[in-house]
Amino acid sequence: MLPAGEPKFRRRKADRPGEIVEAAMQVFAEKGFAAARLDDIAARAGVSKGGLYLYFDTKDDIFRAVVEQAIAPNVQLARAMLAAHPGPFPDLIRALAAHVGGVIQTTSIGGVAKMVIGEARNFPELARIWHDRLVGPMLDTLAGVIAAAQARGEVRPGDPRAYALQLVAPLLVGVIWRETFAPVGAPAFDLPALIAQHVDTYLGGIAP
């Protein structure tokens, strides 16, 4: 452990890329991609701007690292949970919802997701990375689980991919509300309660 008052830049070099990624995730969530400056990220991480360049060449590289190191592991864990759980389907969906809710509540992923949605037109590479590494694989895995549940007679006939999107969509709306409207005075939603109510409604709707 560092002595009290020890500056971050005195830590082992091996720690610094992770600290930069965590700082960048927070800065992206707060400021967006266009407005985020490398100076902001370096200051939040406790390194010099020159020190930041020892690990990352561009802001795009830092965003990729945020996706790969700070967000993708949560998605991989959720996909592994889906793959390892044979059923019953309602139990699996409730466990998945609890996992996703925990990630949303304890990380800056909601702010980064809002950033990607808001700035994708000007920075399409953000959306491409987000889709290819996170959204696409997760949606495919979830659709496969739903198709398997349909084969077991636990889910009514229908497009599994559409059912997967129906499960995710209200969660995304809740996150966007929290990140966009609540800060300007709109009544906030209790996200865990919203997720629980949505899951109950969803499971009732797709039951045979």
N, C-alpha and C. Protein backbone atom coordinates (compact mmCIF):
# COMPACT_ATOMS: atom_id res chain seq x y z
N MET A 1 0.85 -1.19 0.00
CA MET A 1 0.00 0.00 0.00
C MET A 1 0.89 1.24 0.00
N LEU A 2 0.45 2.28 -0.74
CA LEU A 2 1.22 3.51 -0.80
C LEU A 2 1.10 4.28 0.51
N PRO A 3 2.17 4.95 0.93
CA PRO A 3 2.06 5.82 2.10
C PRO A 3 1.05 6.92 1.84
N ALA A 4 0.48 7.46 2.93
CA ALA A 4 -0.51 8.52 2.79
C ALA A 4 0.09 9.68 2.02
N GLY A 5 -0.69 10.20 1.05
CA GLY A 5 -0.24 11.34 0.28
C GLY A 5 0.66 10.97 -0.88
N GLU A 6 0.99 9.70 -1.06
CA GLU A 6 1.85 9.28 -2.17
C GLU A 6 1.11 9.51 -3.48
N PRO A 7 1.68 10.24 -4.44
CA PRO A 7 0.98 10.51 -5.70
C PRO A 7 0.82 9.25 -6.54
N LYS A 8 -0.23 9.25 -7.37
CA LYS A 8 -0.50 8.07 -8.18
C LYS A 8 0.66 7.74 -9.12
N PHE A 9 1.33 8.78 -9.62
CA PHE A 9 2.36 8.51 -10.62
C PHE A 9 3.56 7.79 -10.04
N ARG A 10 3.61 7.62 -8.72
CA ARG A 10 4.70 6.86 -8.10
C ARG A 10 4.39 5.38 -8.02
N ARG A 11 3.20 4.98 -8.43
CA ARG A 11 2.86 3.57 -8.37
C ARG A 11 3.66 2.78 -9.41
N ARG A 12 3.62 1.46 -9.30
CA ARG A 12 4.29 0.62 -10.27
C ARG A 12 3.77 0.90 -11.67
N LYS A 13 4.64 0.87 -12.66
CA LYS A 13 4.24 1.16 -14.03
C LYS A 13 3.15 0.21 -14.51
N ALA A 14 3.17 -1.01 -13.99
CA ALA A 14 2.18 -2.00 -14.43
C ALA A 14 0.76 -1.58 -14.08
N ASP A 15 0.60 -0.73 -13.06
CA ASP A 15 -0.73 -0.30 -12.64
C ASP A 15 -1.29 0.80 -13.53
N ARG A 16 -0.42 1.52 -14.20
CA ARG A 16 -0.85 2.75 -14.84
C ARG A 16 -1.82 2.57 -16.00
N PRO A 17 -1.63 1.60 -16.90
CA PRO A 17 -2.63 1.46 -17.97
C PRO A 17 -4.04 1.24 -17.44
N GLY A 18 -4.18 0.44 -16.40
CA GLY A 18 -5.50 0.22 -15.82
C GLY A 18 -6.08 1.48 -15.20
N GLU A 19 -5.22 2.27 -14.55
CA GLU A 19 -5.67 3.53 -13.96
C GLU A 19 -6.11 4.51 -15.04
N ILE A 20 -5.38 4.52 -16.15
CA ILE A 20 -5.74 5.41 -17.27
C ILE A 20 -7.07 4.99 -17.86
N VAL A 21 -7.28 3.70 -18.03
CA VAL A 21 -8.54 3.19 -18.59
C VAL A 21 -9.71 3.56 -17.68
N GLU A 22 -9.55 3.36 -16.38
CA GLU A 22 -10.62 3.70 -15.45
C GLU A 22 -10.91 5.20 -15.47
N ALA A 23 -9.86 6.01 -15.50
CA ALA A 23 -10.04 7.46 -15.57
C ALA A 23 -10.73 7.86 -16.87
N ALA A 24 -10.33 7.24 -17.97
CA ALA A 24 -10.92 7.57 -19.27
C ALA A 24 -12.41 7.21 -19.30
N MET A 25 -12.76 6.08 -18.71
CA MET A 25 -14.16 5.69 -18.67
C MET A 25 -14.99 6.74 -17.95
N GLN A 26 -14.49 7.25 -16.85
CA GLN A 26 -15.20 8.28 -16.10
C GLN A 26 -15.29 9.58 -16.89
N VAL A 27 -14.20 9.97 -17.53
CA VAL A 27 -14.18 11.22 -18.29
C VAL A 27 -15.10 11.12 -19.50
N PHE A 28 -15.07 10.00 -20.21
CA PHE A 28 -15.96 9.82 -21.35
C PHE A 28 -17.42 9.90 -20.91
N ALA A 29 -17.73 9.26 -19.79
CA ALA A 29 -19.11 9.27 -19.30
C ALA A 29 -19.56 10.68 -18.92
N GLU A 30 -18.66 11.48 -18.38
CA GLU A 30 -19.01 12.82 -17.92
C GLU A 30 -19.03 13.85 -19.05
N LYS A 31 -18.06 13.77 -19.97
CA LYS A 31 -17.86 14.83 -20.95
C LYS A 31 -18.24 14.44 -22.38
N GLY A 32 -18.33 13.13 -22.66
CA GLY A 32 -18.48 12.70 -24.04
C GLY A 32 -17.13 12.55 -24.70
N PHE A 33 -17.15 12.01 -25.92
CA PHE A 33 -15.88 11.71 -26.60
C PHE A 33 -15.24 12.97 -27.15
N ALA A 34 -16.02 13.79 -27.86
CA ALA A 34 -15.45 14.98 -28.50
C ALA A 34 -14.87 15.94 -27.47
N ALA A 35 -15.58 16.12 -26.36
CA ALA A 35 -15.15 17.11 -25.36
C ALA A 35 -14.07 16.58 -24.42
N ALA A 36 -13.90 15.28 -24.35
CA ALA A 36 -12.89 14.71 -23.45
C ALA A 36 -11.50 15.03 -23.99
N ARG A 37 -10.65 15.59 -23.14
CA ARG A 37 -9.29 15.91 -23.53
C ARG A 37 -8.32 14.92 -22.90
N LEU A 38 -7.25 14.67 -23.60
CA LEU A 38 -6.24 13.77 -23.04
C LEU A 38 -5.69 14.33 -21.73
N ASP A 39 -5.64 15.67 -21.62
CA ASP A 39 -5.19 16.27 -20.36
C ASP A 39 -6.14 15.90 -19.22
N ASP A 40 -7.45 15.88 -19.52
CA ASP A 40 -8.43 15.51 -18.49
C ASP A 40 -8.21 14.08 -18.02
N ILE A 41 -7.99 13.20 -18.98
CA ILE A 41 -7.80 11.78 -18.65
C ILE A 41 -6.51 11.59 -17.86
N ALA A 42 -5.45 12.25 -18.31
CA ALA A 42 -4.17 12.12 -17.61
C ALA A 42 -4.28 12.64 -16.18
N ALA A 43 -4.94 13.81 -16.02
CA ALA A 43 -5.08 14.37 -14.67
C ALA A 43 -5.91 13.47 -13.78
N ARG A 44 -6.99 12.90 -14.32
CA ARG A 44 -7.85 12.01 -13.52
C ARG A 44 -7.08 10.75 -13.11
N ALA A 45 -6.19 10.28 -14.00
CA ALA A 45 -5.42 9.07 -13.71
C ALA A 45 -4.20 9.36 -12.84
N GLY A 46 -3.86 10.65 -12.67
CA GLY A 46 -2.69 10.98 -11.87
C GLY A 46 -1.38 10.77 -12.58
N VAL A 47 -1.38 10.93 -13.92
CA VAL A 47 -0.15 10.82 -14.70
C VAL A 47 0.00 12.08 -15.53
N SER A 48 1.19 12.30 -16.05
CA SER A 48 1.40 13.42 -16.95
C SER A 48 0.85 13.05 -18.33
N LYS A 49 0.61 14.06 -19.15
CA LYS A 49 0.16 13.77 -20.51
C LYS A 49 1.21 12.97 -21.26
N GLY A 50 2.48 13.29 -21.03
CA GLY A 50 3.54 12.51 -21.64
C GLY A 50 3.53 11.06 -21.16
N GLY A 51 3.21 10.87 -19.87
CA GLY A 51 3.11 9.52 -19.35
C GLY A 51 1.99 8.74 -19.98
N LEU A 52 0.89 9.45 -20.28
CA LEU A 52 -0.24 8.79 -20.95
C LEU A 52 0.19 8.26 -22.31
N TYR A 53 1.00 9.04 -23.03
CA TYR A 53 1.44 8.64 -24.37
C TYR A 53 2.38 7.44 -24.35
N LEU A 54 2.89 7.09 -23.19
CA LEU A 54 3.71 5.88 -23.11
C LEU A 54 2.87 4.63 -23.34
N TYR A 55 1.55 4.74 -23.12
CA TYR A 55 0.67 3.57 -23.20
C TYR A 55 -0.35 3.66 -24.33
N PHE A 56 -0.76 4.87 -24.70
CA PHE A 56 -1.79 5.04 -25.72
C PHE A 56 -1.39 6.17 -26.66
N ASP A 57 -1.58 5.94 -27.97
CA ASP A 57 -1.19 6.94 -28.96
C ASP A 57 -2.28 7.98 -29.18
N THR A 58 -3.55 7.56 -29.14
CA THR A 58 -4.65 8.45 -29.47
C THR A 58 -5.82 8.24 -28.51
N LYS A 59 -6.77 9.15 -28.57
CA LYS A 59 -7.99 9.02 -27.77
C LYS A 59 -8.79 7.81 -28.24
N ASP A 60 -8.74 7.52 -29.54
CA ASP A 60 -9.42 6.33 -30.05
C ASP A 60 -8.85 5.06 -29.42
N ASP A 61 -7.53 5.02 -29.28
CA ASP A 61 -6.90 3.85 -28.65
C ASP A 61 -7.37 3.71 -27.20
N ILE A 62 -7.53 4.84 -26.52
CA ILE A 62 -7.99 4.77 -25.14
C ILE A 62 -9.42 4.27 -25.08
N PHE A 63 -10.27 4.70 -26.00
CA PHE A 63 -11.65 4.21 -26.03
C PHE A 63 -11.68 2.71 -26.25
N ARG A 64 -10.87 2.22 -27.19
CA ARG A 64 -10.82 0.76 -27.41
C ARG A 64 -10.41 0.04 -26.14
N ALA A 65 -9.45 0.61 -25.42
CA ALA A 65 -9.00 -0.02 -24.18
C ALA A 65 -10.11 0.00 -23.13
N VAL A 66 -10.90 1.07 -23.08
CA VAL A 66 -12.04 1.12 -22.16
C VAL A 66 -13.01 -0.01 -22.47
N VAL A 67 -13.31 -0.18 -23.75
CA VAL A 67 -14.24 -1.25 -24.14
C VAL A 67 -13.66 -2.62 -23.80
N GLU A 68 -12.40 -2.84 -24.16
CA GLU A 68 -11.80 -4.17 -24.01
C GLU A 68 -11.54 -4.52 -22.55
N GLN A 69 -11.08 -3.56 -21.76
CA GLN A 69 -10.61 -3.86 -20.41
C GLN A 69 -11.64 -3.57 -19.32
N ALA A 70 -12.49 -2.56 -19.53
CA ALA A 70 -13.40 -2.16 -18.46
C ALA A 70 -14.83 -2.63 -18.68
N ILE A 71 -15.21 -2.86 -19.93
CA ILE A 71 -16.61 -3.20 -20.22
C ILE A 71 -16.77 -4.62 -20.74
N ALA A 72 -15.94 -5.02 -21.69
CA ALA A 72 -16.08 -6.35 -22.29
C ALA A 72 -16.05 -7.48 -21.26
N PRO A 73 -15.22 -7.42 -20.19
CA PRO A 73 -15.25 -8.52 -19.22
C PRO A 73 -16.62 -8.73 -18.59
N ASN A 74 -17.38 -7.64 -18.35
CA ASN A 74 -18.73 -7.80 -17.81
C ASN A 74 -19.65 -8.48 -18.81
N VAL A 75 -19.49 -8.14 -20.08
CA VAL A 75 -20.30 -8.78 -21.13
C VAL A 75 -19.92 -10.25 -21.26
N GLN A 76 -18.63 -10.53 -21.20
CA GLN A 76 -18.17 -11.92 -21.29
C GLN A 76 -18.69 -12.75 -20.13
N LEU A 77 -18.75 -12.15 -18.96
CA LEU A 77 -19.29 -12.86 -17.80
C LEU A 77 -20.77 -13.15 -18.00
N ALA A 78 -21.51 -12.18 -18.52
CA ALA A 78 -22.93 -12.40 -18.78
C ALA A 78 -23.14 -13.48 -19.83
N ARG A 79 -22.33 -13.49 -20.87
CA ARG A 79 -22.45 -14.52 -21.91
C ARG A 79 -22.11 -15.90 -21.35
N ALA A 80 -21.10 -15.96 -20.49
CA ALA A 80 -20.75 -17.23 -19.87
C ALA A 80 -21.87 -17.72 -18.97
N MET A 81 -22.53 -16.80 -18.28
CA MET A 81 -23.66 -17.15 -17.44
C MET A 81 -24.79 -17.76 -18.29
N LEU A 82 -25.05 -17.15 -19.42
CA LEU A 82 -26.09 -17.65 -20.31
C LEU A 82 -25.73 -19.03 -20.85
N ALA A 83 -24.49 -19.20 -21.25
CA ALA A 83 -24.05 -20.47 -21.84
C ALA A 83 -24.06 -21.61 -20.84
N ALA A 84 -23.80 -21.30 -19.57
CA ALA A 84 -23.66 -22.35 -18.55
C ALA A 84 -24.97 -22.74 -17.90
N HIS A 85 -26.03 -21.98 -18.13
CA HIS A 85 -27.30 -22.19 -17.44
C HIS A 85 -28.29 -22.85 -18.39
N PRO A 86 -28.63 -24.13 -18.20
CA PRO A 86 -29.52 -24.82 -19.14
C PRO A 86 -31.00 -24.45 -18.97
N GLY A 87 -31.37 -23.83 -17.89
CA GLY A 87 -32.77 -23.51 -17.62
C GLY A 87 -33.08 -23.76 -16.16
N PRO A 88 -34.29 -23.51 -15.71
CA PRO A 88 -35.40 -22.98 -16.50
C PRO A 88 -35.18 -21.54 -16.94
N PHE A 89 -35.80 -21.20 -18.04
CA PHE A 89 -35.57 -19.91 -18.67
C PHE A 89 -35.85 -18.72 -17.75
N PRO A 90 -36.96 -18.68 -17.01
CA PRO A 90 -37.20 -17.52 -16.14
C PRO A 90 -36.09 -17.29 -15.12
N ASP A 91 -35.56 -18.36 -14.54
CA ASP A 91 -34.47 -18.21 -13.56
C ASP A 91 -33.24 -17.59 -14.21
N LEU A 92 -32.95 -18.03 -15.43
CA LEU A 92 -31.79 -17.52 -16.14
C LEU A 92 -31.94 -16.03 -16.43
N ILE A 93 -33.10 -15.62 -16.89
CA ILE A 93 -33.32 -14.22 -17.23
C ILE A 93 -33.26 -13.35 -15.97
N ARG A 94 -33.79 -13.84 -14.88
CA ARG A 94 -33.72 -13.05 -13.64
C ARG A 94 -32.27 -12.91 -13.17
N ALA A 95 -31.49 -13.97 -13.29
CA ALA A 95 -30.08 -13.89 -12.89
C ALA A 95 -29.33 -12.93 -13.80
N LEU A 96 -29.60 -12.99 -15.09
CA LEU A 96 -28.95 -12.08 -16.03
C LEU A 96 -29.32 -10.63 -15.73
N ALA A 97 -30.59 -10.37 -15.47
CA ALA A 97 -31.04 -9.01 -15.18
C ALA A 97 -30.38 -8.48 -13.92
N ALA A 98 -30.23 -9.33 -12.91
CA ALA A 98 -29.57 -8.90 -11.68
C ALA A 98 -28.11 -8.55 -11.94
N HIS A 99 -27.45 -9.35 -12.75
CA HIS A 99 -26.05 -9.07 -13.09
C HIS A 99 -25.93 -7.75 -13.83
N VAL A 100 -26.76 -7.57 -14.86
CA VAL A 100 -26.70 -6.34 -15.66
C VAL A 100 -27.03 -5.12 -14.79
N GLY A 101 -28.04 -5.26 -13.94
CA GLY A 101 -28.40 -4.16 -13.06
C GLY A 101 -27.26 -3.77 -12.15
N GLY A 102 -26.55 -4.76 -11.62
CA GLY A 102 -25.41 -4.47 -10.77
C GLY A 102 -24.31 -3.72 -11.49
N VAL A 103 -24.03 -4.13 -12.73
CA VAL A 103 -23.00 -3.46 -13.53
C VAL A 103 -23.41 -2.01 -13.81
N ILE A 104 -24.67 -1.80 -14.17
CA ILE A 104 -25.15 -0.45 -14.46
C ILE A 104 -25.05 0.45 -13.24
N GLN A 105 -25.34 -0.11 -12.07
CA GLN A 105 -25.35 0.69 -10.84
C GLN A 105 -23.95 1.02 -10.33
N THR A 106 -22.98 0.19 -10.63
CA THR A 106 -21.67 0.33 -9.99
C THR A 106 -20.56 0.78 -10.93
N THR A 107 -20.84 0.99 -12.21
CA THR A 107 -19.82 1.44 -13.15
C THR A 107 -20.33 2.64 -13.94
N SER A 108 -19.45 3.19 -14.76
CA SER A 108 -19.81 4.33 -15.61
C SER A 108 -20.30 3.88 -16.99
N ILE A 109 -20.65 2.61 -17.13
CA ILE A 109 -21.01 2.08 -18.44
C ILE A 109 -22.22 2.81 -19.03
N GLY A 110 -23.17 3.24 -18.20
CA GLY A 110 -24.33 3.94 -18.71
C GLY A 110 -23.96 5.24 -19.39
N GLY A 111 -23.07 6.00 -18.78
CA GLY A 111 -22.64 7.25 -19.38
C GLY A 111 -21.87 7.04 -20.67
N VAL A 112 -21.07 5.98 -20.73
CA VAL A 112 -20.33 5.69 -21.95
C VAL A 112 -21.29 5.24 -23.06
N ALA A 113 -22.29 4.43 -22.70
CA ALA A 113 -23.28 4.01 -23.69
C ALA A 113 -24.01 5.22 -24.27
N LYS A 114 -24.40 6.15 -23.40
CA LYS A 114 -25.04 7.38 -23.87
C LYS A 114 -24.12 8.13 -24.82
N MET A 115 -22.84 8.20 -24.48
CA MET A 115 -21.87 8.88 -25.33
C MET A 115 -21.81 8.26 -26.72
N VAL A 116 -21.76 6.93 -26.77
CA VAL A 116 -21.67 6.24 -28.05
C VAL A 116 -22.91 6.53 -28.90
N ILE A 117 -24.09 6.47 -28.28
CA ILE A 117 -25.32 6.74 -29.01
C ILE A 117 -25.35 8.19 -29.51
N GLY A 118 -24.96 9.11 -28.65
CA GLY A 118 -25.04 10.52 -29.00
C GLY A 118 -24.02 10.97 -30.02
N GLU A 119 -22.85 10.31 -30.07
CA GLU A 119 -21.76 10.79 -30.92
C GLU A 119 -21.42 9.85 -32.06
N ALA A 120 -22.25 8.82 -32.27
CA ALA A 120 -21.95 7.83 -33.31
C ALA A 120 -21.93 8.42 -34.71
N ARG A 121 -22.76 9.43 -34.96
CA ARG A 121 -22.79 10.01 -36.31
C ARG A 121 -21.46 10.69 -36.64
N ASN A 122 -20.89 11.38 -35.67
CA ASN A 122 -19.62 12.06 -35.91
C ASN A 122 -18.41 11.16 -35.70
N PHE A 123 -18.59 10.13 -34.89
CA PHE A 123 -17.50 9.19 -34.62
C PHE A 123 -18.01 7.76 -34.82
N PRO A 124 -18.26 7.36 -36.08
CA PRO A 124 -18.86 6.04 -36.32
C PRO A 124 -18.02 4.88 -35.80
N GLU A 125 -16.72 5.08 -35.66
CA GLU A 125 -15.88 4.00 -35.16
C GLU A 125 -16.25 3.62 -33.74
N LEU A 126 -16.74 4.59 -32.95
CA LEU A 126 -17.19 4.28 -31.59
C LEU A 126 -18.32 3.26 -31.63
N ALA A 127 -19.30 3.52 -32.50
CA ALA A 127 -20.45 2.62 -32.61
C ALA A 127 -20.02 1.26 -33.13
N ARG A 128 -19.08 1.26 -34.07
CA ARG A 128 -18.62 -0.01 -34.64
C ARG A 128 -17.95 -0.87 -33.58
N ILE A 129 -17.07 -0.26 -32.80
CA ILE A 129 -16.39 -1.01 -31.74
C ILE A 129 -17.40 -1.49 -30.71
N TRP A 130 -18.33 -0.62 -30.31
CA TRP A 130 -19.32 -0.96 -29.30
C TRP A 130 -20.19 -2.13 -29.77
N HIS A 131 -20.59 -2.08 -31.04
CA HIS A 131 -21.42 -3.15 -31.56
C HIS A 131 -20.64 -4.45 -31.69
N ASP A 132 -19.46 -4.39 -32.32
CA ASP A 132 -18.73 -5.61 -32.63
C ASP A 132 -18.20 -6.32 -31.39
N ARG A 133 -17.84 -5.57 -30.35
CA ARG A 133 -17.25 -6.20 -29.18
C ARG A 133 -18.26 -6.45 -28.06
N LEU A 134 -19.37 -5.70 -28.06
CA LEU A 134 -20.28 -5.80 -26.93
C LEU A 134 -21.69 -6.17 -27.34
N VAL A 135 -22.37 -5.27 -28.04
CA VAL A 135 -23.79 -5.44 -28.32
C VAL A 135 -24.07 -6.64 -29.21
N GLY A 136 -23.33 -6.74 -30.32
CA GLY A 136 -23.58 -7.84 -31.26
C GLY A 136 -23.41 -9.22 -30.64
N PRO A 137 -22.25 -9.50 -30.01
CA PRO A 137 -22.07 -10.81 -29.40
C PRO A 137 -23.10 -11.11 -28.30
N MET A 138 -23.43 -10.10 -27.48
CA MET A 138 -24.39 -10.33 -26.40
C MET A 138 -25.77 -10.64 -26.97
N LEU A 139 -26.18 -9.90 -27.99
CA LEU A 139 -27.50 -10.13 -28.59
C LEU A 139 -27.56 -11.51 -29.24
N ASP A 140 -26.48 -11.92 -29.89
CA ASP A 140 -26.45 -13.24 -30.52
C ASP A 140 -26.55 -14.35 -29.48
N THR A 141 -25.80 -14.21 -28.38
CA THR A 141 -25.84 -15.22 -27.33
C THR A 141 -27.23 -15.31 -26.71
N LEU A 142 -27.82 -14.16 -26.44
CA LEU A 142 -29.15 -14.13 -25.84
C LEU A 142 -30.19 -14.73 -26.79
N ALA A 143 -30.08 -14.42 -28.07
CA ALA A 143 -31.01 -14.99 -29.05
C ALA A 143 -30.88 -16.52 -29.09
N GLY A 144 -29.65 -17.02 -28.98
CA GLY A 144 -29.44 -18.46 -28.97
C GLY A 144 -30.07 -19.12 -27.76
N VAL A 145 -29.96 -18.47 -26.61
CA VAL A 145 -30.57 -19.01 -25.39
C VAL A 145 -32.09 -19.02 -25.52
N ILE A 146 -32.64 -17.97 -26.11
CA ILE A 146 -34.10 -17.90 -26.29
C ILE A 146 -34.56 -18.98 -27.27
N ALA A 147 -33.79 -19.20 -28.34
CA ALA A 147 -34.15 -20.25 -29.29
C ALA A 147 -34.13 -21.62 -28.62
N ALA A 148 -33.14 -21.85 -27.75
CA ALA A 148 -33.09 -23.12 -27.03
C ALA A 148 -34.29 -23.26 -26.10
N ALA A 149 -34.68 -22.17 -25.45
CA ALA A 149 -35.86 -22.21 -24.58
C ALA A 149 -37.14 -22.46 -25.39
N GLN A 150 -37.19 -21.94 -26.60
CA GLN A 150 -38.34 -22.23 -27.46
C GLN A 150 -38.38 -23.72 -27.80
N ALA A 151 -37.23 -24.30 -28.07
CA ALA A 151 -37.18 -25.73 -28.39
C ALA A 151 -37.62 -26.59 -27.20
N ARG A 152 -37.43 -26.09 -25.98
CA ARG A 152 -37.87 -26.81 -24.79
C ARG A 152 -39.32 -26.52 -24.44
N GLY A 153 -39.94 -25.62 -25.18
CA GLY A 153 -41.34 -25.28 -24.93
C GLY A 153 -41.53 -24.25 -23.84
N GLU A 154 -40.44 -23.52 -23.47
CA GLU A 154 -40.54 -22.52 -22.40
C GLU A 154 -40.89 -21.12 -22.92
N VAL A 155 -40.73 -20.91 -24.21
CA VAL A 155 -40.97 -19.59 -24.81
C VAL A 155 -41.84 -19.78 -26.05
N ARG A 156 -42.81 -18.91 -26.22
CA ARG A 156 -43.70 -19.02 -27.36
C ARG A 156 -42.96 -18.77 -28.67
N PRO A 157 -43.50 -19.24 -29.81
CA PRO A 157 -42.85 -19.01 -31.10
C PRO A 157 -42.68 -17.52 -31.39
N GLY A 158 -41.64 -17.20 -32.11
CA GLY A 158 -41.34 -15.82 -32.47
C GLY A 158 -39.87 -15.70 -32.79
N ASP A 159 -39.47 -14.56 -33.32
CA ASP A 159 -38.08 -14.32 -33.70
C ASP A 159 -37.22 -14.19 -32.43
N PRO A 160 -36.30 -15.13 -32.20
CA PRO A 160 -35.48 -15.05 -30.97
C PRO A 160 -34.68 -13.76 -30.87
N ARG A 161 -34.20 -13.27 -32.00
CA ARG A 161 -33.41 -12.03 -31.98
C ARG A 161 -34.29 -10.85 -31.57
N ALA A 162 -35.52 -10.83 -32.05
CA ALA A 162 -36.45 -9.76 -31.66
C ALA A 162 -36.78 -9.87 -30.18
N TYR A 163 -36.99 -11.10 -29.69
CA TYR A 163 -37.24 -11.28 -28.26
C TYR A 163 -36.05 -10.79 -27.43
N ALA A 164 -34.82 -11.03 -27.93
CA ALA A 164 -33.62 -10.58 -27.22
C ALA A 164 -33.59 -9.05 -27.15
N LEU A 165 -33.93 -8.41 -28.26
CA LEU A 165 -33.94 -6.94 -28.28
C LEU A 165 -35.03 -6.39 -27.36
N GLN A 166 -36.18 -7.08 -27.34
CA GLN A 166 -37.26 -6.64 -26.45
C GLN A 166 -36.84 -6.70 -24.98
N LEU A 167 -36.02 -7.68 -24.64
CA LEU A 167 -35.56 -7.79 -23.25
C LEU A 167 -34.63 -6.63 -22.89
N VAL A 168 -33.76 -6.27 -23.82
CA VAL A 168 -32.72 -5.28 -23.53
C VAL A 168 -33.24 -3.85 -23.61
N ALA A 169 -34.18 -3.59 -24.52
CA ALA A 169 -34.55 -2.20 -24.85
C ALA A 169 -34.97 -1.36 -23.64
N PRO A 170 -35.87 -1.82 -22.78
CA PRO A 170 -36.26 -0.97 -21.64
C PRO A 170 -35.10 -0.67 -20.68
N LEU A 171 -34.15 -1.59 -20.58
CA LEU A 171 -32.99 -1.33 -19.73
C LEU A 171 -32.19 -0.16 -20.30
N LEU A 172 -32.03 -0.15 -21.62
CA LEU A 172 -31.31 0.93 -22.26
C LEU A 172 -32.04 2.26 -22.09
N VAL A 173 -33.36 2.24 -22.24
CA VAL A 173 -34.14 3.47 -22.05
C VAL A 173 -33.98 3.98 -20.62
N GLY A 174 -34.00 3.07 -19.65
CA GLY A 174 -33.81 3.48 -18.26
C GLY A 174 -32.46 4.14 -18.04
N VAL A 175 -31.42 3.60 -18.67
CA VAL A 175 -30.08 4.17 -18.54
C VAL A 175 -30.03 5.54 -19.20
N ILE A 176 -30.60 5.66 -20.39
CA ILE A 176 -30.60 6.95 -21.09
C ILE A 176 -31.36 7.99 -20.26
N TRP A 177 -32.48 7.59 -19.66
CA TRP A 177 -33.22 8.52 -18.81
C TRP A 177 -32.35 9.00 -17.65
N ARG A 178 -31.68 8.06 -17.00
CA ARG A 178 -30.84 8.42 -15.85
C ARG A 178 -29.71 9.35 -16.26
N GLU A 179 -29.11 9.10 -17.42
CA GLU A 179 -27.95 9.87 -17.83
C GLU A 179 -28.31 11.19 -18.50
N THR A 180 -29.53 11.30 -19.06
CA THR A 180 -29.89 12.47 -19.85
C THR A 180 -30.88 13.38 -19.15
N PHE A 181 -31.95 12.82 -18.60
CA PHE A 181 -33.04 13.63 -18.08
C PHE A 181 -32.98 13.84 -16.57
N ALA A 182 -32.58 12.83 -15.82
CA ALA A 182 -32.49 12.99 -14.37
C ALA A 182 -31.55 14.12 -13.96
N PRO A 183 -30.40 14.30 -14.66
CA PRO A 183 -29.51 15.41 -14.26
C PRO A 183 -30.11 16.80 -14.45
N VAL A 184 -31.15 16.91 -15.28
CA VAL A 184 -31.77 18.24 -15.48
C VAL A 184 -33.08 18.36 -14.73
N GLY A 185 -33.33 17.46 -13.78
CA GLY A 185 -34.47 17.62 -12.89
C GLY A 185 -35.64 16.70 -13.11
N ALA A 186 -35.60 15.83 -14.14
CA ALA A 186 -36.69 14.89 -14.35
C ALA A 186 -36.70 13.87 -13.21
N PRO A 187 -37.89 13.42 -12.79
CA PRO A 187 -37.95 12.41 -11.73
C PRO A 187 -37.17 11.16 -12.13
N ALA A 188 -36.33 10.70 -11.24
CA ALA A 188 -35.50 9.54 -11.54
C ALA A 188 -36.30 8.25 -11.34
N PHE A 189 -35.92 7.23 -12.08
CA PHE A 189 -36.48 5.90 -11.88
C PHE A 189 -35.53 5.09 -11.00
N ASP A 190 -36.10 4.22 -10.22
CA ASP A 190 -35.32 3.25 -9.46
C ASP A 190 -34.96 2.13 -10.44
N LEU A 191 -33.71 2.13 -10.91
CA LEU A 191 -33.34 1.20 -11.97
C LEU A 191 -33.50 -0.27 -11.57
N PRO A 192 -33.07 -0.69 -10.37
CA PRO A 192 -33.30 -2.09 -10.00
C PRO A 192 -34.79 -2.45 -9.99
N ALA A 193 -35.64 -1.54 -9.49
CA ALA A 193 -37.07 -1.82 -9.49
C ALA A 193 -37.62 -1.85 -10.91
N LEU A 194 -37.13 -0.95 -11.76
CA LEU A 194 -37.56 -0.93 -13.16
C LEU A 194 -37.19 -2.24 -13.84
N ILE A 195 -35.97 -2.70 -13.61
CA ILE A 195 -35.52 -3.94 -14.23
C ILE A 195 -36.36 -5.12 -13.75
N ALA A 196 -36.62 -5.19 -12.44
CA ALA A 196 -37.41 -6.30 -11.90
C ALA A 196 -38.82 -6.30 -12.47
N GLN A 197 -39.45 -5.14 -12.55
CA GLN A 197 -40.81 -5.07 -13.08
C GLN A 197 -40.83 -5.44 -14.56
N HIS A 198 -39.83 -4.95 -15.29
CA HIS A 198 -39.77 -5.28 -16.72
C HIS A 198 -39.60 -6.78 -16.94
N VAL A 199 -38.72 -7.40 -16.16
CA VAL A 199 -38.49 -8.84 -16.33
C VAL A 199 -39.78 -9.62 -16.07
N ASP A 200 -40.53 -9.26 -15.02
CA ASP A 200 -41.81 -9.93 -14.76
C ASP A 200 -42.76 -9.79 -15.95
N THR A 201 -42.86 -8.59 -16.48
CA THR A 201 -43.77 -8.34 -17.61
C THR A 201 -43.30 -9.10 -18.85
N TYR A 202 -41.99 -9.07 -19.09
CA TYR A 202 -41.41 -9.74 -20.25
C TYR A 202 -41.64 -11.24 -20.21
N LEU A 203 -41.36 -11.84 -19.06
CA LEU A 203 -41.53 -13.29 -18.94
C LEU A 203 -42.98 -13.70 -19.12
N GLY A 204 -43.88 -12.90 -18.59
CA GLY A 204 -45.29 -13.20 -18.79
C GLY A 204 -45.70 -13.09 -20.24
N GLY A 205 -45.10 -12.14 -20.95
CA GLY A 205 -45.48 -11.91 -22.33
C GLY A 205 -44.99 -12.97 -23.30
N ILE A 206 -43.82 -13.57 -23.03
CA ILE A 206 -43.28 -14.56 -23.97
C ILE A 206 -43.53 -16.00 -23.53
N ALA A 207 -44.22 -16.16 -22.41
CA ALA A 207 -44.54 -17.53 -21.95
C ALA A 207 -45.47 -18.20 -22.95
N PRO A 208 -45.37 -19.52 -23.11
CA PRO A 208 -46.26 -20.22 -24.05
C PRO A 208 -47.71 -20.06 -23.67
